Amino acid sequence: MKRIDQKIIDQTLELIKSQEREGAGNERIKTIVNRLLNDLFNAMADLDITSEEMWKACDWLTQTGKNNEYGLVYAGLGIEKFMDDMMDWEDEQVGIHNKTPRTIEGPLYVAGSPESTSYAELETEAEPDGERLYMSGVVRDENGNPIPGAKVEVWHCNLKGLYSHFDSSQPEFNLRRAINVAEDGKYEFKSFVPVGYACPPNGSTDTLMKLLGRHGARPAHIHFFVTAPGYRKLTTQINIEGDPLTFDDFAFATRPELVPHIERIPAEDAPKYGKDEAFAKIDFDFNMVHEVTDAAPGENHRTRATVEA
């Protein structure tokens, strides 16, 4: 089929832009929307996207909002991954080298987790069938020195692949804690080895992934925010070694440096580590970077879930 005349596209774009009032609105938003409309209209012409397809897309967008799945769509389409890539590039331009890589936050953080010093037990509700996990390490600066007063926020899913707050069957803040490290910079938490999970079956993200010939599953992982005064916030996660989807994550979050070795300690050796049961052991240090004047923030202020008082 012959492509629509470019003149028609340009005239339509100019008509839309002509409705803007000078000095009103937000110039940055105007620039972005006009560029995206330009790209969209030209894609519609190049790919012969029909009105039928455009209205089906509108229906899908509407349902995605009703399902509260845009965070998953951002992850699944690689948008959140590319935002990380852009921030990594911005860091490189000013000489910032992140020894502990950033990776995607995902949509399931909840602010206000219970805080403790140096050690935390993540389970508000016990998972009797879980494999016991102890993860520990030190929060360090660029030179390997401990950072007193750093905070390690940690969260992961239960054995059904569900996160507290978003899953009403779990207590609030189950598997969510904030650990304030002491002078030695050390943190440790007790939990269980999490499992991987898939996006909601037959939901908007799952539907899109199937149409793209892709799966919508994530490998087992644990999320972290690491913060300290005078340092750049670190948003990252680790993968559980051995998960078959570690390097086939639908959200593109895996980085080789974030797949630490997991050691299984038998019950007879547990007392050597001050424990009284068999457990999986992960050692992992977080390396932070001092704030840099005039550097891009490397962080965003997206809307995040909170627990109402």
C-alpha atoms as a PDB file:
ATOM      1  CA  MET A   1       0.000   0.000   0.000  1.00  0.00           C
ATOM      2  CA  LYS A   2       1.259   3.468  -0.856  1.00  0.00           C
ATOM      3  CA  ARG A   3       2.478   5.540   2.101  1.00  0.00           C
ATOM      4  CA  ILE A   4       0.396   8.562   3.049  1.00  0.00           C
ATOM      5  CA  ASP A   5       1.861  11.828   1.810  1.00  0.00           C
ATOM      6  CA  GLN A   6       4.312  13.282   4.347  1.00  0.00           C
ATOM      7  CA  LYS A   7       2.664  16.646   3.779  1.00  0.00           C
ATOM      8  CA  ILE A   8      -0.535  15.369   5.397  1.00  0.00           C
ATOM      9  CA  ILE A   9       1.382  14.199   8.466  1.00  0.00           C
ATOM     10  CA  ASP A  10       3.227  17.516   8.759  1.00  0.00           C
ATOM     11  CA  GLN A  11       0.019  19.534   8.348  1.00  0.00           C
ATOM     12  CA  THR A  12      -1.701  17.512  11.071  1.00  0.00           C
ATOM     13  CA  LEU A  13       1.233  17.984  13.431  1.00  0.00           C
ATOM     14  CA  GLU A  14       1.280  21.718  12.741  1.00  0.00           C
ATOM     15  CA  LEU A  15      -2.466  21.949  13.364  1.00  0.00           C
ATOM     16  CA  ILE A  16      -2.076  20.212  16.730  1.00  0.00           C
ATOM     17  CA  LYS A  17       0.849  22.418  17.689  1.00  0.00           C
ATOM     18  CA  SER A  18      -1.050  25.566  16.647  1.00  0.00           C
ATOM     19  CA  GLN A  19      -3.470  25.042  19.538  1.00  0.00           C
ATOM     20  CA  GLU A  20      -0.686  25.680  22.078  1.00  0.00           C
ATOM     21  CA  ARG A  21      -0.733  29.102  23.701  1.00  0.00           C
ATOM     22  CA  GLU A  22       2.590  30.888  23.994  1.00  0.00           C
ATOM     23  CA  GLY A  23       3.589  31.377  27.619  1.00  0.00           C
ATOM     24  CA  ALA A  24       1.033  28.841  28.854  1.00  0.00           C
ATOM     25  CA  GLY A  25       1.618  25.271  29.897  1.00  0.00           C
ATOM     26  CA  ASN A  26       4.961  23.516  30.268  1.00  0.00           C
ATOM     27  CA  GLU A  27       7.526  23.959  27.500  1.00  0.00           C
ATOM     28  CA  ARG A  28       9.315  20.726  28.324  1.00  0.00           C
ATOM     29  CA  ILE A  29       6.076  18.736  28.089  1.00  0.00           C
ATOM     30  CA  LYS A  30       5.192  20.457  24.811  1.00  0.00           C
ATOM     31  CA  THR A  31       8.549  19.471  23.309  1.00  0.00           C
ATOM     32  CA  ILE A  32       8.278  15.855  24.425  1.00  0.00           C
ATOM     33  CA  VAL A  33       4.658  15.362  23.339  1.00  0.00           C
ATOM     34  CA  ASN A  34       5.233  16.959  19.938  1.00  0.00           C
ATOM     35  CA  ARG A  35       8.273  14.741  19.321  1.00  0.00           C
ATOM     36  CA  LEU A  36       6.387  11.599  20.372  1.00  0.00           C
ATOM     37  CA  LEU A  37       3.405  12.492  18.181  1.00  0.00           C
ATOM     38  CA  ASN A  38       5.756  13.062  15.263  1.00  0.00           C
ATOM     39  CA  ASP A  39       7.339   9.641  15.771  1.00  0.00           C
ATOM     40  CA  LEU A  40       3.960   7.959  16.269  1.00  0.00           C
ATOM     41  CA  PHE A  41       2.301   9.460  13.199  1.00  0.00           C
ATOM     42  CA  ASN A  42       5.278   8.553  11.027  1.00  0.00           C
ATOM     43  CA  ALA A  43       5.291   5.027  12.439  1.00  0.00           C
ATOM     44  CA  MET A  44       1.570   4.747  11.642  1.00  0.00           C
ATOM     45  CA  ALA A  45       2.362   5.748   8.068  1.00  0.00           C
ATOM     46  CA  ASP A  46       5.483   3.585   7.689  1.00  0.00           C
ATOM     47  CA  LEU A  47       3.863   0.460   9.164  1.00  0.00           C
ATOM     48  CA  ASP A  48       0.360   1.108   7.828  1.00  0.00           C
ATOM     49  CA  ILE A  49      -1.099   0.917  11.339  1.00  0.00           C
ATOM     50  CA  THR A  50      -4.861   0.862  10.935  1.00  0.00           C
ATOM     51  CA  SER A  51      -7.551   2.666  12.919  1.00  0.00           C
ATOM     52  CA  GLU A  52      -8.704  -0.779  14.092  1.00  0.00           C
ATOM     53  CA  GLU A  53      -5.249  -1.468  15.546  1.00  0.00           C
ATOM     54  CA  MET A  54      -5.040   1.976  17.121  1.00  0.00           C
ATOM     55  CA  TRP A  55      -8.358   1.522  18.930  1.00  0.00           C
ATOM     56  CA  LYS A  56      -7.325  -1.938  20.108  1.00  0.00           C
ATOM     57  CA  ALA A  57      -4.176  -0.295  21.488  1.00  0.00           C
ATOM     58  CA  CYS A  58      -6.321   2.328  23.220  1.00  0.00           C
ATOM     59  CA  ASP A  59      -8.432  -0.423  24.825  1.00  0.00           C
ATOM     60  CA  TRP A  60      -5.255  -2.189  25.991  1.00  0.00           C
ATOM     61  CA  LEU A  61      -3.843   1.019  27.467  1.00  0.00           C
ATOM     62  CA  THR A  62      -7.113   1.647  29.306  1.00  0.00           C
ATOM     63  CA  GLN A  63      -7.171  -1.883  30.736  1.00  0.00           C
ATOM     64  CA  THR A  64      -3.500  -1.660  31.714  1.00  0.00           C
ATOM     65  CA  GLY A  65      -4.302   1.384  33.829  1.00  0.00           C
ATOM     66  CA  LYS A  66      -7.268  -0.361  35.449  1.00  0.00           C
ATOM     67  CA  ASN A  67      -5.004  -3.312  36.251  1.00  0.00           C
ATOM     68  CA  ASN A  68      -2.292  -1.020  37.664  1.00  0.00           C
ATOM     69  CA  GLU A  69       0.248  -2.774  35.433  1.00  0.00           C
ATOM     70  CA  TYR A  70       2.140   0.108  33.847  1.00  0.00           C
ATOM     71  CA  GLY A  71       5.098  -0.528  36.145  1.00  0.00           C
ATOM     72  CA  LEU A  72       5.274  -4.093  34.827  1.00  0.00           C
ATOM     73  CA  VAL A  73       4.945  -2.876  31.240  1.00  0.00           C
ATOM     74  CA  TYR A  74       7.834  -0.441  31.787  1.00  0.00           C
ATOM     75  CA  ALA A  75       9.927  -3.368  33.008  1.00  0.00           C
ATOM     76  CA  GLY A  76       8.815  -5.863  30.378  1.00  0.00           C
ATOM     77  CA  LEU A  77       9.372  -3.563  27.413  1.00  0.00           C
ATOM     78  CA  GLY A  78      12.864  -2.702  28.620  1.00  0.00           C
ATOM     79  CA  ILE A  79      11.978   0.934  29.290  1.00  0.00           C
ATOM     80  CA  GLU A  80      13.157   0.757  32.898  1.00  0.00           C
ATOM     81  CA  LYS A  81      16.313  -1.058  31.770  1.00  0.00           C
ATOM     82  CA  PHE A  82      17.074   1.711  29.276  1.00  0.00           C
ATOM     83  CA  MET A  83      16.515   4.376  31.942  1.00  0.00           C
ATOM     84  CA  ASP A  84      19.223   2.599  33.967  1.00  0.00           C
ATOM     85  CA  ASP A  85      21.464   2.527  30.889  1.00  0.00           C
ATOM     86  CA  MET A  86      20.989   6.275  30.465  1.00  0.00           C
ATOM     87  CA  MET A  87      21.865   6.922  34.119  1.00  0.00           C
ATOM     88  CA  ASP A  88      24.947   4.689  33.819  1.00  0.00           C
ATOM     89  CA  TRP A  89      26.031   6.690  30.773  1.00  0.00           C
ATOM     90  CA  GLU A  90      25.446   9.982  32.614  1.00  0.00           C
ATOM     91  CA  ASP A  91      27.580   8.699  35.491  1.00  0.00           C
ATOM     92  CA  GLU A  92      30.390   7.753  33.129  1.00  0.00           C
ATOM     93  CA  GLN A  93      30.430  11.253  31.643  1.00  0.00           C
ATOM     94  CA  VAL A  94      31.421  12.732  35.014  1.00  0.00           C
ATOM     95  CA  GLY A  95      33.752   9.932  36.069  1.00  0.00           C
ATOM     96  CA  ILE A  96      31.402   8.083  38.418  1.00  0.00           C
ATOM     97  CA  HIS A  97      32.147   4.370  38.542  1.00  0.00           C
ATOM     98  CA  ASN A  98      29.598   2.224  40.347  1.00  0.00           C
ATOM     99  CA  LYS A  99      31.344  -0.876  41.678  1.00  0.00           C
ATOM    100  CA  THR A 100      27.933  -2.213  42.715  1.00  0.00           C
ATOM    101  CA  PRO A 101      25.792  -1.766  39.600  1.00  0.00           C
ATOM    102  CA  ARG A 102      22.352  -0.257  39.705  1.00  0.00           C
ATOM    103  CA  THR A 103      19.475  -2.208  38.282  1.00  0.00           C
ATOM    104  CA  ILE A 104      15.748  -1.712  38.046  1.00  0.00           C
ATOM    105  CA  GLU A 105      13.613  -0.902  41.071  1.00  0.00           C
ATOM    106  CA  GLY A 106      10.440  -2.480  39.734  1.00  0.00           C
ATOM    107  CA  PRO A 107       6.958  -1.374  40.822  1.00  0.00           C
ATOM    108  CA  LEU A 108       6.630  -3.122  44.194  1.00  0.00           C
ATOM    109  CA  TYR A 109       8.529  -1.030  46.747  1.00  0.00           C
ATOM    110  CA  VAL A 110       6.609   0.219  49.809  1.00  0.00           C
ATOM    111  CA  ALA A 111       7.956   3.073  51.926  1.00  0.00           C
ATOM    112  CA  GLY A 112       8.183   2.931  55.700  1.00  0.00           C
ATOM    113  CA  SER A 113       9.495  -0.567  56.412  1.00  0.00           C
ATOM    114  CA  PRO A 114      10.264  -1.390  60.081  1.00  0.00           C
ATOM    115  CA  GLU A 115      13.807  -0.355  60.976  1.00  0.00           C
ATOM    116  CA  SER A 116      16.468  -2.083  63.067  1.00  0.00           C
ATOM    117  CA  THR A 117      20.207  -1.829  63.608  1.00  0.00           C
ATOM    118  CA  SER A 118      22.651  -4.170  61.859  1.00  0.00           C
ATOM    119  CA  TYR A 119      20.307  -7.198  61.786  1.00  0.00           C
ATOM    120  CA  ALA A 120      16.733  -7.915  60.715  1.00  0.00           C
ATOM    121  CA  GLU A 121      14.375 -10.832  60.342  1.00  0.00           C
ATOM    122  CA  LEU A 122      12.251 -10.237  57.275  1.00  0.00           C
ATOM    123  CA  GLU A 123       9.401 -12.617  57.990  1.00  0.00           C
ATOM    124  CA  THR A 124       6.452 -11.106  59.789  1.00  0.00           C
ATOM    125  CA  GLU A 125       4.610 -14.260  58.782  1.00  0.00           C
ATOM    126  CA  ALA A 126       6.695 -17.448  58.779  1.00  0.00           C
ATOM    127  CA  GLU A 127       7.156 -19.434  55.569  1.00  0.00           C
ATOM    128  CA  PRO A 128       7.435 -22.977  56.979  1.00  0.00           C
ATOM    129  CA  ASP A 129       8.409 -24.518  53.638  1.00  0.00           C
ATOM    130  CA  GLY A 130      11.083 -21.987  52.783  1.00  0.00           C
ATOM    131  CA  GLU A 131      14.809 -22.689  52.620  1.00  0.00           C
ATOM    132  CA  ARG A 132      16.405 -20.618  55.377  1.00  0.00           C
ATOM    133  CA  LEU A 133      18.589 -17.791  54.082  1.00  0.00           C
ATOM    134  CA  TYR A 134      21.074 -15.528  55.834  1.00  0.00           C
ATOM    135  CA  MET A 135      22.521 -12.726  53.750  1.00  0.00           C
ATOM    136  CA  SER A 136      25.196 -10.426  55.113  1.00  0.00           C
ATOM    137  CA  GLY A 137      27.900  -8.015  54.116  1.00  0.00           C
ATOM    138  CA  VAL A 138      29.293  -4.535  54.561  1.00  0.00           C
ATOM    139  CA  VAL A 139      28.223  -1.189  53.112  1.00  0.00           C
ATOM    140  CA  ARG A 140      31.419   0.391  51.800  1.00  0.00           C
ATOM    141  CA  ASP A 141      32.579   3.540  50.026  1.00  0.00           C
ATOM    142  CA  GLU A 142      34.645   3.720  46.824  1.00  0.00           C
ATOM    143  CA  ASN A 143      37.817   2.873  48.757  1.00  0.00           C
ATOM    144  CA  GLY A 144      36.346  -0.079  50.621  1.00  0.00           C
ATOM    145  CA  ASN A 145      35.832   1.751  53.923  1.00  0.00           C
ATOM    146  CA  PRO A 146      32.666   0.985  55.948  1.00  0.00           C
ATOM    147  CA  ILE A 147      29.969   3.664  55.864  1.00  0.00           C
ATOM    148  CA  PRO A 148      28.514   4.120  59.375  1.00  0.00           C
ATOM    149  CA  GLY A 149      24.842   5.048  59.419  1.00  0.00           C
ATOM    150  CA  ALA A 150      24.007   3.719  55.965  1.00  0.00           C
ATOM    151  CA  LYS A 151      20.538   2.256  55.537  1.00  0.00           C
ATOM    152  CA  VAL A 152      19.827  -0.980  53.647  1.00  0.00           C
ATOM    153  CA  GLU A 153      16.182  -1.375  52.635  1.00  0.00           C
ATOM    154  CA  VAL A 154      15.347  -4.889  51.475  1.00  0.00           C
ATOM    155  CA  TRP A 155      12.229  -6.507  50.060  1.00  0.00           C
ATOM    156  CA  HIS A 156      11.289  -9.701  48.226  1.00  0.00           C
ATOM    157  CA  CYS A 157       8.296 -11.894  47.432  1.00  0.00           C
ATOM    158  CA  ASN A 158       6.875 -14.888  49.296  1.00  0.00           C
ATOM    159  CA  LEU A 159       6.889 -18.467  48.017  1.00  0.00           C
ATOM    160  CA  LYS A 160       3.797 -17.746  45.932  1.00  0.00           C
ATOM    161  CA  GLY A 161       5.678 -15.002  44.119  1.00  0.00           C
ATOM    162  CA  LEU A 162       3.591 -12.274  45.772  1.00  0.00           C
ATOM    163  CA  TYR A 163       4.625  -9.101  47.611  1.00  0.00           C
ATOM    164  CA  SER A 164       3.092  -7.820  50.817  1.00  0.00           C
ATOM    165  CA  HIS A 165       0.888  -4.718  50.548  1.00  0.00           C
ATOM    166  CA  PHE A 166       0.002  -5.651  46.964  1.00  0.00           C
ATOM    167  CA  ASP A 167      -1.100  -9.074  48.235  1.00  0.00           C
ATOM    168  CA  SER A 168      -3.710  -8.438  50.919  1.00  0.00           C
ATOM    169  CA  SER A 169      -3.357 -11.935  52.393  1.00  0.00           C
ATOM    170  CA  GLN A 170       0.054 -11.001  53.847  1.00  0.00           C
ATOM    171  CA  PRO A 171       0.705  -8.737  56.848  1.00  0.00           C
ATOM    172  CA  GLU A 172       1.904  -5.251  55.976  1.00  0.00           C
ATOM    173  CA  PHE A 173       5.690  -5.108  55.582  1.00  0.00           C
ATOM    174  CA  ASN A 174       6.058  -8.878  55.463  1.00  0.00           C
ATOM    175  CA  LEU A 175       9.448  -9.523  53.860  1.00  0.00           C
ATOM    176  CA  ARG A 176      10.257  -5.814  53.968  1.00  0.00           C
ATOM    177  CA  ARG A 177      12.766  -4.293  56.384  1.00  0.00           C
ATOM    178  CA  ALA A 178      15.204  -1.387  56.721  1.00  0.00           C
ATOM    179  CA  ILE A 179      18.570  -2.060  58.365  1.00  0.00           C
ATOM    180  CA  ASN A 180      20.640   0.819  59.744  1.00  0.00           C
ATOM    181  CA  VAL A 181      24.266  -0.238  59.877  1.00  0.00           C
ATOM    182  CA  ALA A 182      26.557   0.622  62.791  1.00  0.00           C
ATOM    183  CA  GLU A 183      30.156   1.891  62.762  1.00  0.00           C
ATOM    184  CA  ASP A 184      31.399  -1.327  61.166  1.00  0.00           C
ATOM    185  CA  GLY A 185      29.048  -0.945  58.193  1.00  0.00           C
ATOM    186  CA  LYS A 186      27.805  -4.504  58.599  1.00  0.00           C
ATOM    187  CA  TYR A 187      24.300  -5.714  57.843  1.00  0.00           C
ATOM    188  CA  GLU A 188      22.684  -9.132  58.077  1.00  0.00           C
ATOM    189  CA  PHE A 189      19.169 -10.394  57.555  1.00  0.00           C
ATOM    190  CA  LYS A 190      17.353 -13.665  58.021  1.00  0.00           C
ATOM    191  CA  SER A 191      14.737 -14.794  55.545  1.00  0.00           C
ATOM    192  CA  PHE A 192      14.249 -17.642  53.097  1.00  0.00           C
ATOM    193  CA  VAL A 193      15.409 -18.163  49.531  1.00  0.00           C
ATOM    194  CA  PRO A 194      12.791 -16.456  47.360  1.00  0.00           C
ATOM    195  CA  VAL A 195      11.322 -17.861  44.174  1.00  0.00           C
ATOM    196  CA  GLY A 196      10.828 -16.429  40.733  1.00  0.00           C
ATOM    197  CA  TYR A 197       7.398 -15.440  39.506  1.00  0.00           C
ATOM    198  CA  ALA A 198       5.462 -14.342  36.439  1.00  0.00           C
ATOM    199  CA  CYS A 199       3.332 -11.295  35.762  1.00  0.00           C
ATOM    200  CA  PRO A 200      -0.422 -11.769  36.408  1.00  0.00           C
ATOM    201  CA  PRO A 201      -1.829 -14.485  34.093  1.00  0.00           C
ATOM    202  CA  ASN A 202      -3.963 -13.069  31.279  1.00  0.00           C
ATOM    203  CA  GLY A 203      -3.319  -9.527  32.515  1.00  0.00           C
ATOM    204  CA  SER A 204      -2.234  -6.663  30.295  1.00  0.00           C
ATOM    205  CA  THR A 205       1.497  -7.382  30.587  1.00  0.00           C
ATOM    206  CA  ASP A 206       1.049 -11.111  30.034  1.00  0.00           C
ATOM    207  CA  THR A 207      -1.123 -10.431  26.981  1.00  0.00           C
ATOM    208  CA  LEU A 208       1.507  -8.117  25.502  1.00  0.00           C
ATOM    209  CA  MET A 209       4.362 -10.530  26.183  1.00  0.00           C
ATOM    210  CA  LYS A 210       2.488 -13.365  24.444  1.00  0.00           C
ATOM    211  CA  LEU A 211       1.825 -11.159  21.417  1.00  0.00           C
ATOM    212  CA  LEU A 212       5.560 -10.412  21.312  1.00  0.00           C
ATOM    213  CA  GLY A 213       6.389 -14.120  21.516  1.00  0.00           C
ATOM    214  CA  ARG A 214       7.993 -13.657  24.922  1.00  0.00           C
ATOM    215  CA  HIS A 215       7.487 -14.967  28.450  1.00  0.00           C
ATOM    216  CA  GLY A 216       6.628 -12.677  31.351  1.00  0.00           C
ATOM    217  CA  ALA A 217       8.629 -14.312  34.129  1.00  0.00           C
ATOM    218  CA  ARG A 218      11.362 -13.123  36.480  1.00  0.00           C
ATOM    219  CA  PRO A 219      14.080 -15.187  38.181  1.00  0.00           C
ATOM    220  CA  ALA A 220      14.334 -15.286  41.973  1.00  0.00           C
ATOM    221  CA  HIS A 221      15.739 -12.005  43.250  1.00  0.00           C
ATOM    222  CA  ILE A 222      15.942  -9.641  46.234  1.00  0.00           C
ATOM    223  CA  HIS A 223      15.547  -5.864  45.972  1.00  0.00           C
ATOM    224  CA  PHE A 224      17.607  -3.186  47.750  1.00  0.00           C
ATOM    225  CA  PHE A 225      17.798   0.549  48.293  1.00  0.00           C
ATOM    226  CA  VAL A 226      21.059   1.611  49.966  1.00  0.00           C
ATOM    227  CA  THR A 227      21.307   5.190  51.207  1.00  0.00           C
ATOM    228  CA  ALA A 228      23.642   7.280  53.346  1.00  0.00           C
ATOM    229  CA  PRO A 229      24.145  11.027  53.882  1.00  0.00           C
ATOM    230  CA  GLY A 230      26.590  12.413  51.349  1.00  0.00           C
ATOM    231  CA  TYR A 231      26.339   9.392  49.048  1.00  0.00           C
ATOM    232  CA  ARG A 232      24.386   8.650  45.899  1.00  0.00           C
ATOM    233  CA  LYS A 233      21.402   6.399  46.414  1.00  0.00           C
ATOM    234  CA  LEU A 234      21.954   2.850  45.170  1.00  0.00           C
ATOM    235  CA  THR A 235      18.979   1.030  43.681  1.00  0.00           C
ATOM    236  CA  THR A 236      19.823  -2.569  42.954  1.00  0.00           C
ATOM    237  CA  GLN A 237      18.878  -6.211  43.375  1.00  0.00           C
ATOM    238  CA  ILE A 238      20.612  -9.558  43.485  1.00  0.00           C
ATOM    239  CA  ASN A 239      19.639 -12.734  41.677  1.00  0.00           C
ATOM    240  CA  ILE A 240      19.629 -16.132  43.307  1.00  0.00           C
ATOM    241  CA  GLU A 241      22.405 -18.197  41.759  1.00  0.00           C
ATOM    242  CA  GLY A 242      21.212 -21.228  39.818  1.00  0.00           C
ATOM    243  CA  ASP A 243      17.753 -19.959  38.884  1.00  0.00           C
ATOM    244  CA  PRO A 244      17.143 -21.071  35.271  1.00  0.00           C
ATOM    245  CA  LEU A 245      15.802 -17.623  34.339  1.00  0.00           C
ATOM    246  CA  THR A 246      18.707 -15.641  35.796  1.00  0.00           C
ATOM    247  CA  PHE A 247      19.901 -14.620  32.344  1.00  0.00           C
ATOM    248  CA  ASP A 248      16.439 -14.775  30.760  1.00  0.00           C
ATOM    249  CA  ASP A 249      14.663 -12.157  32.874  1.00  0.00           C
ATOM    250  CA  PHE A 250      11.665 -10.593  31.159  1.00  0.00           C
ATOM    251  CA  ALA A 251      12.541  -7.325  32.951  1.00  0.00           C
ATOM    252  CA  PHE A 252      16.197  -7.298  31.769  1.00  0.00           C
ATOM    253  CA  ALA A 253      17.433  -6.655  35.325  1.00  0.00           C
ATOM    254  CA  THR A 254      20.216  -9.255  35.566  1.00  0.00           C
ATOM    255  CA  ARG A 255      23.809  -8.090  35.779  1.00  0.00           C
ATOM    256  CA  PRO A 256      26.602 -10.639  36.255  1.00  0.00           C
ATOM    257  CA  GLU A 257      28.059  -8.690  39.207  1.00  0.00           C
ATOM    258  CA  LEU A 258      24.687  -9.064  40.957  1.00  0.00           C
ATOM    259  CA  VAL A 259      24.576 -12.866  40.988  1.00  0.00           C
ATOM    260  CA  PRO A 260      26.494 -13.731  44.165  1.00  0.00           C
ATOM    261  CA  HIS A 261      27.481 -17.270  45.066  1.00  0.00           C
ATOM    262  CA  ILE A 262      25.048 -19.013  47.392  1.00  0.00           C
ATOM    263  CA  GLU A 263      26.569 -21.513  49.799  1.00  0.00           C
ATOM    264  CA  ARG A 264      24.538 -24.258  51.486  1.00  0.00           C
ATOM    265  CA  ILE A 265      25.577 -24.861  55.099  1.00  0.00           C
ATOM    266  CA  PRO A 266      24.478 -28.230  56.556  1.00  0.00           C
ATOM    267  CA  ALA A 267      22.924 -28.391  60.016  1.00  0.00           C
ATOM    268  CA  GLU A 268      26.033 -29.955  61.559  1.00  0.00           C
ATOM    269  CA  ASP A 269      28.154 -26.987  60.484  1.00  0.00           C
ATOM    270  CA  ALA A 270      25.595 -24.305  61.384  1.00  0.00           C
ATOM    271  CA  PRO A 271      26.973 -23.710  64.939  1.00  0.00           C
ATOM    272  CA  LYS A 272      30.266 -22.548  63.389  1.00  0.00           C
ATOM    273  CA  TYR A 273      28.302 -19.587  62.049  1.00  0.00           C
ATOM    274  CA  GLY A 274      26.247 -19.021  65.186  1.00  0.00           C
ATOM    275  CA  LYS A 275      23.137 -20.625  63.656  1.00  0.00           C
ATOM    276  CA  ASP A 276      21.047 -23.574  64.798  1.00  0.00           C
ATOM    277  CA  GLU A 277      19.741 -24.933  61.474  1.00  0.00           C
ATOM    278  CA  ALA A 278      20.838 -25.690  57.944  1.00  0.00           C
ATOM    279  CA  PHE A 279      20.800 -22.558  55.810  1.00  0.00           C
ATOM    280  CA  ALA A 280      21.745 -20.917  52.545  1.00  0.00           C
ATOM    281  CA  LYS A 281      24.416 -18.240  52.911  1.00  0.00           C
ATOM    282  CA  ILE A 282      25.034 -15.204  50.716  1.00  0.00           C
ATOM    283  CA  ASP A 283      27.866 -12.741  51.344  1.00  0.00           C
ATOM    284  CA  PHE A 284      27.529  -9.474  49.456  1.00  0.00           C
ATOM    285  CA  ASP A 285      29.017  -6.032  50.019  1.00  0.00           C
ATOM    286  CA  PHE A 286      27.357  -2.875  48.712  1.00  0.00           C
ATOM    287  CA  ASN A 287      29.730  -0.205  47.412  1.00  0.00           C
ATOM    288  CA  MET A 288      28.384   3.349  47.405  1.00  0.00           C
ATOM    289  CA  VAL A 289      29.660   6.471  45.665  1.00  0.00           C
ATOM    290  CA  HIS A 290      29.964   9.957  47.161  1.00  0.00           C
ATOM    291  CA  GLU A 291      27.707  12.654  45.774  1.00  0.00           C
ATOM    292  CA  VAL A 292      29.271  14.523  42.873  1.00  0.00           C
ATOM    293  CA  THR A 293      28.572  18.212  42.278  1.00  0.00           C
ATOM    294  CA  ASP A 294      26.706  18.904  39.042  1.00  0.00           C
ATOM    295  CA  ALA A 295      26.250  15.207  38.264  1.00  0.00           C
ATOM    296  CA  ALA A 296      22.862  13.974  37.089  1.00  0.00           C
ATOM    297  CA  PRO A 297      20.886  12.763  40.126  1.00  0.00           C
ATOM    298  CA  GLY A 298      20.938   9.060  39.208  1.00  0.00           C
ATOM    299  CA  GLU A 299      17.612   8.729  40.994  1.00  0.00           C
ATOM    300  CA  ASN A 300      13.979   9.655  40.428  1.00  0.00           C
ATOM    301  CA  HIS A 301      11.050  10.716  42.562  1.00  0.00           C
ATOM    302  CA  ARG A 302       8.428   8.410  41.115  1.00  0.00           C
ATOM    303  CA  THR A 303       5.240   7.790  43.045  1.00  0.00           C
ATOM    304  CA  ARG A 304       5.812   4.890  45.443  1.00  0.00           C
ATOM    305  CA  ALA A 305       3.386   2.966  47.585  1.00  0.00           C
ATOM    306  CA  THR A 306       2.963   3.871  51.226  1.00  0.00           C
ATOM    307  CA  VAL A 307       0.983   2.363  54.088  1.00  0.00           C
ATOM    308  CA  GLU A 308      -1.747   4.637  55.368  1.00  0.00           C
ATOM    309  CA  ALA A 309      -1.574   5.300  59.108  1.00  0.00           C
END
